[in-house]
C-alpha atoms as a PDB file:
ATOM      1  CA  MET A   1      12.673  12.241 -23.608  1.00  0.00           C
ATOM      2  CA  SER A   2      12.030  12.790 -27.315  1.00  0.00           C
ATOM      3  CA  HIS A   3      10.361  15.995 -28.473  1.00  0.00           C
ATOM      4  CA  ASN A   4       7.950  13.831 -30.480  1.00  0.00           C
ATOM      5  CA  CYS A   5       6.174  12.603 -27.339  1.00  0.00           C
ATOM      6  CA  SER A   6       2.631  13.722 -26.811  1.00  0.00           C
ATOM      7  CA  GLU A   7       1.706  15.639 -23.674  1.00  0.00           C
ATOM      8  CA  GLU A   8      -0.267  12.577 -22.545  1.00  0.00           C
ATOM      9  CA  GLU A   9       2.739  10.301 -22.978  1.00  0.00           C
ATOM     10  CA  LYS A  10       4.872  12.708 -20.943  1.00  0.00           C
ATOM     11  CA  ILE A  11       2.283  12.575 -18.131  1.00  0.00           C
ATOM     12  CA  ILE A  12       2.298   8.757 -18.122  1.00  0.00           C
ATOM     13  CA  VAL A  13       6.103   8.734 -17.989  1.00  0.00           C
ATOM     14  CA  GLN A  14       6.016  11.316 -15.179  1.00  0.00           C
ATOM     15  CA  LEU A  15       3.522   9.286 -13.143  1.00  0.00           C
ATOM     16  CA  ASN A  16       5.668   6.194 -13.549  1.00  0.00           C
ATOM     17  CA  ASP A  17       8.838   8.107 -12.592  1.00  0.00           C
ATOM     18  CA  ILE A  18       7.130   9.572  -9.518  1.00  0.00           C
ATOM     19  CA  TYR A  19       6.058   6.087  -8.427  1.00  0.00           C
ATOM     20  CA  LYS A  20       9.573   4.697  -8.907  1.00  0.00           C
ATOM     21  CA  GLN A  21      11.105   7.574  -6.939  1.00  0.00           C
ATOM     22  CA  MET A  22       8.482   7.621  -4.223  1.00  0.00           C
ATOM     23  CA  SER A  23       8.451   3.925  -3.280  1.00  0.00           C
ATOM     24  CA  PRO A  24      12.021   3.668  -1.970  1.00  0.00           C
ATOM     25  CA  LYS A  25      11.810   7.113  -0.319  1.00  0.00           C
ATOM     26  CA  PHE A  26       8.548   6.137   1.364  1.00  0.00           C
ATOM     27  CA  GLU A  27      10.139   2.976   2.677  1.00  0.00           C
ATOM     28  CA  ARG A  28      13.228   4.839   3.962  1.00  0.00           C
ATOM     29  CA  CYS A  29      11.092   7.460   5.728  1.00  0.00           C
ATOM     30  CA  THR A  30       8.537   5.103   7.245  1.00  0.00           C
ATOM     31  CA  GLY A  31      10.701   2.024   7.703  1.00  0.00           C
ATOM     32  CA  ILE A  32       8.203  -0.180   5.875  1.00  0.00           C
ATOM     33  CA  SER A  33       6.991  -0.727   2.315  1.00  0.00           C
ATOM     34  CA  GLN A  34       3.581   0.539   1.215  1.00  0.00           C
ATOM     35  CA  SER A  35       2.442  -3.046   0.569  1.00  0.00           C
ATOM     36  CA  ARG A  36       3.289  -4.143   4.090  1.00  0.00           C
ATOM     37  CA  LEU A  37       1.743  -1.023   5.540  1.00  0.00           C
ATOM     38  CA  ASP A  38      -1.451  -1.750   3.569  1.00  0.00           C
ATOM     39  CA  LEU A  39      -1.499  -5.267   5.077  1.00  0.00           C
ATOM     40  CA  LEU A  40      -0.952  -3.915   8.593  1.00  0.00           C
ATOM     41  CA  HIS A  41      -3.644  -1.238   8.186  1.00  0.00           C
ATOM     42  CA  LYS A  42      -6.194  -3.860   7.160  1.00  0.00           C
ATOM     43  CA  LEU A  43      -5.171  -6.117  10.033  1.00  0.00           C
ATOM     44  CA  PHE A  44      -5.505  -3.148  12.394  1.00  0.00           C
ATOM     45  CA  GLU A  45      -9.180  -2.851  11.370  1.00  0.00           C
ATOM     46  CA  VAL A  46     -10.087  -6.495  12.084  1.00  0.00           C
ATOM     47  CA  GLU A  47      -9.596  -8.924  14.933  1.00  0.00           C
ATOM     48  CA  GLU A  48      -8.611 -11.754  12.585  1.00  0.00           C
ATOM     49  CA  ILE A  49      -8.942 -12.435   8.862  1.00  0.00           C
ATOM     50  CA  SER A  50      -8.173 -15.312   6.541  1.00  0.00           C
ATOM     51  CA  GLN A  51      -5.021 -14.850   4.513  1.00  0.00           C
ATOM     52  CA  THR A  52      -7.063 -15.316   1.329  1.00  0.00           C
ATOM     53  CA  ALA A  53      -9.546 -12.607   2.271  1.00  0.00           C
ATOM     54  CA  LEU A  54      -6.673 -10.295   3.275  1.00  0.00           C
ATOM     55  CA  GLN A  55      -4.979 -10.861  -0.078  1.00  0.00           C
ATOM     56  CA  LYS A  56      -8.183  -9.933  -1.938  1.00  0.00           C
ATOM     57  CA  VAL A  57      -8.824  -6.811   0.136  1.00  0.00           C
ATOM     58  CA  VAL A  58      -5.321  -5.365  -0.303  1.00  0.00           C
ATOM     59  CA  ASN A  59      -5.086  -6.567  -3.937  1.00  0.00           C
ATOM     60  CA  ILE A  60      -1.591  -8.033  -3.676  1.00  0.00           C
ATOM     61  CA  ASP A  61      -0.807 -11.390  -5.273  1.00  0.00           C
ATOM     62  CA  SER A  62      -0.961 -14.353  -2.916  1.00  0.00           C
ATOM     63  CA  ALA A  63       2.751 -15.224  -3.113  1.00  0.00           C
ATOM     64  CA  ALA A  64       3.699 -11.664  -2.156  1.00  0.00           C
ATOM     65  CA  VAL A  65       1.177 -11.634   0.705  1.00  0.00           C
ATOM     66  CA  THR A  66       2.649 -14.897   2.034  1.00  0.00           C
ATOM     67  CA  ARG A  67       6.174 -13.507   1.789  1.00  0.00           C
ATOM     68  CA  HIS A  68       5.214 -10.215   3.519  1.00  0.00           C
ATOM     69  CA  LEU A  69       3.322 -12.036   6.278  1.00  0.00           C
ATOM     70  CA  LYS A  70       6.205 -14.457   6.935  1.00  0.00           C
ATOM     71  CA  GLN A  71       8.591 -11.513   7.344  1.00  0.00           C
ATOM     72  CA  LEU A  72       6.111  -9.592   9.510  1.00  0.00           C
ATOM     73  CA  GLU A  73       5.593 -12.725  11.591  1.00  0.00           C
ATOM     74  CA  GLY A  74       9.362 -13.056  11.997  1.00  0.00           C
ATOM     75  CA  LYS A  75       9.429  -9.505  13.374  1.00  0.00           C
ATOM     76  CA  GLY A  76       6.665 -10.351  15.825  1.00  0.00           C
ATOM     77  CA  MET A  77       4.146  -8.008  14.219  1.00  0.00           C
ATOM     78  CA  VAL A  78       1.593 -10.586  13.099  1.00  0.00           C
ATOM     79  CA  SER A  79       0.599 -14.086  14.055  1.00  0.00           C
ATOM     80  CA  ARG A  80      -0.791 -16.760  11.783  1.00  0.00           C
ATOM     81  CA  ARG A  81      -2.658 -19.948  12.617  1.00  0.00           C
ATOM     82  CA  LYS A  82      -4.217 -22.698  10.575  1.00  0.00           C
ATOM     83  CA  ASN A  83      -7.997 -22.933  10.492  1.00  0.00           C
ATOM     84  CA  PRO A  84      -8.742 -25.817  12.856  1.00  0.00           C
ATOM     85  CA  ASP A  85     -11.664 -26.906  10.654  1.00  0.00           C
ATOM     86  CA  ASP A  86      -9.697 -26.783   7.387  1.00  0.00           C
ATOM     87  CA  ASN A  87      -5.934 -26.533   7.584  1.00  0.00           C
ATOM     88  CA  ARG A  88      -5.706 -25.350   3.981  1.00  0.00           C
ATOM     89  CA  PHE A  89      -6.702 -21.916   5.267  1.00  0.00           C
ATOM     90  CA  THR A  90      -4.646 -19.624   7.449  1.00  0.00           C
ATOM     91  CA  PHE A  91      -5.943 -16.903   9.775  1.00  0.00           C
ATOM     92  CA  VAL A  92      -3.891 -13.782  10.358  1.00  0.00           C
ATOM     93  CA  ARG A  93      -4.013 -11.231  13.146  1.00  0.00           C
ATOM     94  CA  LEU A  94      -1.967  -8.253  14.252  1.00  0.00           C
ATOM     95  CA  SER A  95       0.081  -8.907  17.398  1.00  0.00           C
ATOM     96  CA  ASP A  96       0.131  -6.473  20.304  1.00  0.00           C
ATOM     97  CA  GLU A  97       3.569  -5.308  19.156  1.00  0.00           C
ATOM     98  CA  GLY A  98       2.211  -4.862  15.627  1.00  0.00           C
ATOM     99  CA  ARG A  99      -0.615  -2.694  16.952  1.00  0.00           C
ATOM    100  CA  MET A 100       1.891  -0.478  18.777  1.00  0.00           C
ATOM    101  CA  LYS A 101       4.231  -0.206  15.793  1.00  0.00           C
ATOM    102  CA  ILE A 102       1.501   0.677  13.333  1.00  0.00           C
ATOM    103  CA  GLU A 103       0.904   3.927  15.228  1.00  0.00           C
ATOM    104  CA  ALA A 104       4.532   4.942  14.623  1.00  0.00           C
ATOM    105  CA  TYR A 105       4.254   3.955  10.952  1.00  0.00           C
ATOM    106  CA  ARG A 106       1.115   6.065  10.607  1.00  0.00           C
ATOM    107  CA  GLU A 107       2.922   9.083  12.041  1.00  0.00           C
ATOM    108  CA  GLU A 108       5.876   8.626   9.688  1.00  0.00           C
ATOM    109  CA  LYS A 109       3.498   8.195   6.750  1.00  0.00           C
ATOM    110  CA  GLU A 110       1.742  11.465   7.620  1.00  0.00           C
ATOM    111  CA  ILE A 111       5.086  13.282   7.711  1.00  0.00           C
ATOM    112  CA  PHE A 112       6.054  11.794   4.353  1.00  0.00           C
ATOM    113  CA  ILE A 113       2.729  12.769   2.794  1.00  0.00           C
ATOM    114  CA  SER A 114       2.986  16.336   4.087  1.00  0.00           C
ATOM    115  CA  LYS A 115       6.431  16.607   2.477  1.00  0.00           C
ATOM    116  CA  VAL A 116       5.105  15.286  -0.850  1.00  0.00           C
ATOM    117  CA  PHE A 117       2.267  17.826  -0.900  1.00  0.00           C
ATOM    118  CA  LYS A 118       4.263  20.736   0.527  1.00  0.00           C
ATOM    119  CA  ASP A 119       3.074  24.079  -0.932  1.00  0.00           C
ATOM    120  CA  PHE A 120      -0.055  22.566  -2.512  1.00  0.00           C
ATOM    121  CA  THR A 121      -3.285  24.333  -1.717  1.00  0.00           C
ATOM    122  CA  GLU A 122      -6.354  22.366  -0.657  1.00  0.00           C
ATOM    123  CA  GLU A 123      -7.938  23.200  -4.005  1.00  0.00           C
ATOM    124  CA  GLU A 124      -4.896  21.956  -5.935  1.00  0.00           C
ATOM    125  CA  ARG A 125      -4.885  18.674  -3.984  1.00  0.00           C
ATOM    126  CA  SER A 126      -8.583  18.233  -4.620  1.00  0.00           C
ATOM    127  CA  THR A 127      -8.229  18.934  -8.357  1.00  0.00           C
ATOM    128  CA  LEU A 128      -5.260  16.568  -8.638  1.00  0.00           C
ATOM    129  CA  SER A 129      -7.191  13.847  -6.793  1.00  0.00           C
ATOM    130  CA  GLU A 130     -10.170  14.229  -9.137  1.00  0.00           C
ATOM    131  CA  MET A 131      -7.933  14.011 -12.216  1.00  0.00           C
ATOM    132  CA  LEU A 132      -6.061  10.974 -10.905  1.00  0.00           C
ATOM    133  CA  ASN A 133      -9.368   9.273 -10.091  1.00  0.00           C
ATOM    134  CA  ARG A 134     -10.457   9.822 -13.676  1.00  0.00           C
ATOM    135  CA  ILE A 135      -7.181   8.412 -14.992  1.00  0.00           C
ATOM    136  CA  GLN A 136      -7.522   5.441 -12.632  1.00  0.00           C
ATOM    137  CA  GLY A 137     -11.075   4.806 -13.861  1.00  0.00           C
ATOM    138  CA  ASN A 138      -9.969   5.005 -17.481  1.00  0.00           C
ATOM    139  CA  VAL A 139      -7.151   2.525 -16.842  1.00  0.00           C
ATOM    140  CA  GLN A 140      -9.545   0.118 -15.133  1.00  0.00           C
ATOM    141  CA  GLU A 141     -11.854   0.250 -18.158  1.00  0.00           C
ATOM    142  CA  ILE A 142      -9.083  -0.793 -20.558  1.00  0.00           C
ATOM    143  CA  GLU A 143      -9.573  -4.412 -21.551  1.00  0.00           C
ATOM    144  CA  LYS A 144      -6.590  -6.716 -21.468  1.00  0.00           C
END
């Protein structure tokens, strides 16, 4: 990195690098991507949900949600059915196997998180969270 970079630019680059490094490591440790885990967590909270509503809640584009759900369905973790009143809409639910597997994913996720925050004090984690929330808020306020 150039010595002409501002401290702020270095932080943005660091955050991006952390994300790029963390995603594949998270998936290797837990056996599932964060996006799929987000979908499964939401499905764990509800009996059944429309695919459109699920997509909005987890904030993943509809094509990606469809792709993830097809693969999860192929693994027997979710089931999908057309709305009998309007077949343009699809309902999604977690299968019994999916409910069992999500517990294992949660445990692996907790282990991964504890490794990421190893040697951080509670105060440091809290301060970091506050700062990241502020950055996130600032990013959301930026107009396209």
